[in-house]
Amino acid sequence: MPVQLFLTYAPSLPPLQINISCPSTGLQKVIEIDDEKRLQNFYERRMAQEIDGGVLGDEFAGYVMRITGGNDKQGFPMRQ
């Protein structure tokens, strides 16, 4: 079962806040990404797409992550 991602991003501000959760264990972690090179992996992605966890760093290598939602700076949610 893939780990779930919830993205919070404001295009004018560099940090992307990612909420990583694993529903089967109930664990949750929030990280912020400032690196533009790592942010490029999230551009042009849609909800329910799966990405390799290694793009977030070595800590998440080997995980498959699915984008389950997100919102922008004003709080508008992602639409499918």
N, C-alpha and C. Protein backbone atom coordinates (compact mmCIF):
# COMPACT_ATOMS: atom_id res chain seq x y z
N MET A 1 0.85 -1.18 0.00
CA MET A 1 0.00 0.00 0.00
C MET A 1 0.89 1.24 0.00
N PRO A 2 0.68 2.17 -0.93
CA PRO A 2 1.51 3.37 -0.99
C PRO A 2 1.28 4.30 0.19
N VAL A 3 2.33 5.03 0.51
CA VAL A 3 2.25 6.08 1.53
C VAL A 3 1.55 7.26 0.89
N GLN A 4 0.74 8.01 1.65
CA GLN A 4 -0.03 9.12 1.10
C GLN A 4 0.71 10.44 1.27
N LEU A 5 0.58 11.32 0.29
CA LEU A 5 1.16 12.66 0.33
C LEU A 5 0.05 13.69 0.26
N PHE A 6 0.18 14.76 1.04
CA PHE A 6 -0.71 15.91 0.94
C PHE A 6 0.18 17.12 0.76
N LEU A 7 0.06 17.83 -0.34
CA LEU A 7 0.95 18.92 -0.70
C LEU A 7 0.35 20.27 -0.39
N THR A 8 1.13 21.15 0.21
CA THR A 8 0.73 22.54 0.43
C THR A 8 1.78 23.41 -0.23
N TYR A 9 1.38 24.17 -1.25
CA TYR A 9 2.35 24.91 -2.04
C TYR A 9 1.80 26.26 -2.45
N ALA A 10 2.64 27.27 -2.31
CA ALA A 10 2.33 28.61 -2.81
C ALA A 10 3.38 28.94 -3.86
N PRO A 11 2.99 29.14 -5.12
CA PRO A 11 3.96 29.33 -6.19
C PRO A 11 4.95 30.47 -5.97
N SER A 12 4.57 31.50 -5.26
CA SER A 12 5.49 32.61 -5.07
C SER A 12 6.48 32.36 -3.93
N LEU A 13 6.21 31.35 -3.11
CA LEU A 13 7.07 31.05 -1.98
C LEU A 13 7.77 29.70 -2.22
N PRO A 14 9.08 29.62 -1.98
CA PRO A 14 9.81 28.40 -2.31
C PRO A 14 9.47 27.16 -1.49
N PRO A 15 9.26 27.22 -0.17
CA PRO A 15 9.10 25.94 0.52
C PRO A 15 7.78 25.24 0.20
N LEU A 16 7.89 23.97 -0.09
CA LEU A 16 6.72 23.11 -0.30
C LEU A 16 6.58 22.26 0.95
N GLN A 17 5.43 22.31 1.58
CA GLN A 17 5.19 21.53 2.79
C GLN A 17 4.49 20.24 2.39
N ILE A 18 5.05 19.12 2.82
CA ILE A 18 4.50 17.82 2.47
C ILE A 18 4.12 17.07 3.74
N ASN A 19 2.90 16.61 3.78
CA ASN A 19 2.40 15.79 4.89
C ASN A 19 2.44 14.35 4.41
N ILE A 20 3.29 13.54 5.00
CA ILE A 20 3.44 12.13 4.63
C ILE A 20 2.75 11.29 5.69
N SER A 21 1.85 10.43 5.27
CA SER A 21 1.16 9.57 6.23
C SER A 21 1.07 8.15 5.72
N CYS A 22 1.02 7.23 6.66
CA CYS A 22 0.85 5.81 6.35
C CYS A 22 -0.41 5.34 7.05
N PRO A 23 -1.51 5.18 6.31
CA PRO A 23 -2.79 4.83 6.94
C PRO A 23 -2.77 3.51 7.70
N SER A 24 -1.98 2.56 7.25
CA SER A 24 -1.99 1.25 7.91
C SER A 24 -1.38 1.30 9.31
N THR A 25 -0.41 2.21 9.53
CA THR A 25 0.21 2.32 10.85
C THR A 25 -0.24 3.55 11.62
N GLY A 26 -0.82 4.53 10.93
CA GLY A 26 -1.26 5.76 11.57
C GLY A 26 -0.14 6.77 11.78
N LEU A 27 1.04 6.52 11.24
CA LEU A 27 2.15 7.45 11.39
C LEU A 27 2.00 8.62 10.42
N GLN A 28 2.50 9.78 10.85
CA GLN A 28 2.41 10.98 10.02
C GLN A 28 3.66 11.83 10.24
N LYS A 29 4.15 12.45 9.16
CA LYS A 29 5.33 13.29 9.24
C LYS A 29 5.16 14.46 8.28
N VAL A 30 5.54 15.66 8.71
CA VAL A 30 5.47 16.85 7.87
C VAL A 30 6.89 17.32 7.60
N ILE A 31 7.20 17.50 6.31
CA ILE A 31 8.52 18.01 5.93
C ILE A 31 8.34 19.20 5.01
N GLU A 32 9.36 20.06 4.94
CA GLU A 32 9.37 21.19 4.02
C GLU A 32 10.55 21.03 3.08
N ILE A 33 10.33 21.34 1.81
CA ILE A 33 11.38 21.24 0.80
C ILE A 33 11.64 22.63 0.24
N ASP A 34 12.90 23.06 0.31
CA ASP A 34 13.30 24.35 -0.23
C ASP A 34 14.07 24.21 -1.54
N ASP A 35 14.63 23.05 -1.78
CA ASP A 35 15.49 22.81 -2.93
C ASP A 35 14.67 22.74 -4.22
N GLU A 36 14.96 23.65 -5.14
CA GLU A 36 14.21 23.73 -6.41
C GLU A 36 14.36 22.45 -7.22
N LYS A 37 15.52 21.82 -7.16
CA LYS A 37 15.74 20.60 -7.92
C LYS A 37 14.83 19.47 -7.44
N ARG A 38 14.64 19.35 -6.13
CA ARG A 38 13.73 18.33 -5.60
C ARG A 38 12.27 18.72 -5.82
N LEU A 39 11.98 20.02 -5.86
CA LEU A 39 10.60 20.46 -6.11
C LEU A 39 10.12 20.13 -7.51
N GLN A 40 11.03 20.09 -8.47
CA GLN A 40 10.65 19.81 -9.85
C GLN A 40 9.96 18.46 -10.01
N ASN A 41 10.22 17.54 -9.10
CA ASN A 41 9.58 16.22 -9.16
C ASN A 41 8.08 16.29 -8.88
N PHE A 42 7.60 17.40 -8.31
CA PHE A 42 6.19 17.53 -7.97
C PHE A 42 5.43 18.41 -8.94
N TYR A 43 6.12 19.08 -9.84
CA TYR A 43 5.44 19.92 -10.83
C TYR A 43 4.70 19.05 -11.83
N GLU A 44 3.56 19.53 -12.29
CA GLU A 44 2.74 18.84 -13.30
C GLU A 44 2.28 17.46 -12.83
N ARG A 45 2.10 17.29 -11.54
CA ARG A 45 1.57 16.03 -11.01
C ARG A 45 0.10 16.20 -10.70
N ARG A 46 -0.63 15.11 -10.77
CA ARG A 46 -2.05 15.12 -10.49
C ARG A 46 -2.33 14.25 -9.26
N MET A 47 -3.51 14.42 -8.72
CA MET A 47 -3.92 13.58 -7.60
C MET A 47 -3.96 12.12 -8.05
N ALA A 48 -3.64 11.24 -7.15
CA ALA A 48 -3.61 9.78 -7.34
C ALA A 48 -2.41 9.30 -8.14
N GLN A 49 -1.50 10.19 -8.55
CA GLN A 49 -0.28 9.74 -9.21
C GLN A 49 0.68 9.23 -8.16
N GLU A 50 1.44 8.22 -8.51
CA GLU A 50 2.42 7.65 -7.59
C GLU A 50 3.81 8.09 -8.00
N ILE A 51 4.64 8.40 -7.00
CA ILE A 51 6.02 8.80 -7.23
C ILE A 51 6.92 7.99 -6.32
N ASP A 52 8.19 7.90 -6.70
CA ASP A 52 9.19 7.20 -5.90
C ASP A 52 9.56 8.06 -4.71
N GLY A 53 9.62 7.48 -3.53
CA GLY A 53 9.96 8.22 -2.32
C GLY A 53 11.39 8.72 -2.31
N GLY A 54 12.25 8.16 -3.14
CA GLY A 54 13.65 8.57 -3.19
C GLY A 54 13.84 10.01 -3.62
N VAL A 55 12.84 10.61 -4.28
CA VAL A 55 12.97 12.01 -4.70
C VAL A 55 12.94 12.95 -3.50
N LEU A 56 12.43 12.49 -2.35
CA LEU A 56 12.40 13.31 -1.14
C LEU A 56 13.68 13.18 -0.33
N GLY A 57 14.50 12.20 -0.65
CA GLY A 57 15.74 11.99 0.08
C GLY A 57 15.96 10.52 0.38
N ASP A 58 17.14 10.21 0.89
CA ASP A 58 17.50 8.82 1.17
C ASP A 58 16.62 8.19 2.25
N GLU A 59 16.09 9.03 3.13
CA GLU A 59 15.24 8.54 4.22
C GLU A 59 13.98 7.83 3.69
N PHE A 60 13.50 8.25 2.51
CA PHE A 60 12.26 7.71 1.95
C PHE A 60 12.50 6.81 0.73
N ALA A 61 13.76 6.44 0.49
CA ALA A 61 14.07 5.56 -0.65
C ALA A 61 13.39 4.22 -0.44
N GLY A 62 12.82 3.68 -1.50
CA GLY A 62 12.14 2.40 -1.44
C GLY A 62 10.65 2.49 -1.19
N TYR A 63 10.16 3.68 -0.86
CA TYR A 63 8.72 3.87 -0.65
C TYR A 63 8.06 4.33 -1.94
N VAL A 64 6.81 3.95 -2.12
CA VAL A 64 5.99 4.46 -3.21
C VAL A 64 4.98 5.40 -2.58
N MET A 65 4.90 6.63 -3.10
CA MET A 65 4.01 7.63 -2.51
C MET A 65 2.96 8.05 -3.50
N ARG A 66 1.73 8.20 -3.02
CA ARG A 66 0.60 8.60 -3.85
C ARG A 66 0.12 9.96 -3.39
N ILE A 67 -0.08 10.88 -4.35
CA ILE A 67 -0.60 12.20 -4.02
C ILE A 67 -2.10 12.08 -3.79
N THR A 68 -2.54 12.42 -2.58
CA THR A 68 -3.95 12.27 -2.23
C THR A 68 -4.67 13.60 -2.10
N GLY A 69 -3.95 14.70 -2.18
CA GLY A 69 -4.60 16.01 -2.08
C GLY A 69 -3.58 17.10 -1.88
N GLY A 70 -4.08 18.31 -1.72
CA GLY A 70 -3.21 19.45 -1.51
C GLY A 70 -3.99 20.73 -1.57
N ASN A 71 -3.31 21.83 -1.23
CA ASN A 71 -3.92 23.14 -1.35
C ASN A 71 -2.85 24.19 -1.56
N ASP A 72 -3.29 25.37 -2.01
CA ASP A 72 -2.35 26.44 -2.25
C ASP A 72 -2.31 27.38 -1.04
N LYS A 73 -1.61 28.50 -1.20
CA LYS A 73 -1.42 29.45 -0.10
C LYS A 73 -2.74 29.97 0.46
N GLN A 74 -3.74 30.18 -0.40
CA GLN A 74 -5.03 30.70 0.04
C GLN A 74 -5.94 29.62 0.61
N GLY A 75 -5.53 28.35 0.49
CA GLY A 75 -6.32 27.26 1.04
C GLY A 75 -7.24 26.59 0.05
N PHE A 76 -7.14 26.96 -1.22
CA PHE A 76 -7.98 26.31 -2.23
C PHE A 76 -7.48 24.88 -2.45
N PRO A 77 -8.37 23.89 -2.41
CA PRO A 77 -7.95 22.49 -2.55
C PRO A 77 -7.66 22.11 -3.99
N MET A 78 -6.88 21.03 -4.13
CA MET A 78 -6.63 20.46 -5.45
C MET A 78 -7.92 19.84 -5.94
N ARG A 79 -8.15 19.89 -7.23
CA ARG A 79 -9.32 19.27 -7.85
C ARG A 79 -8.86 18.21 -8.81
N GLN A 80 -9.60 17.13 -8.87
CA GLN A 80 -9.23 16.06 -9.78
C GLN A 80 -9.90 16.21 -11.11
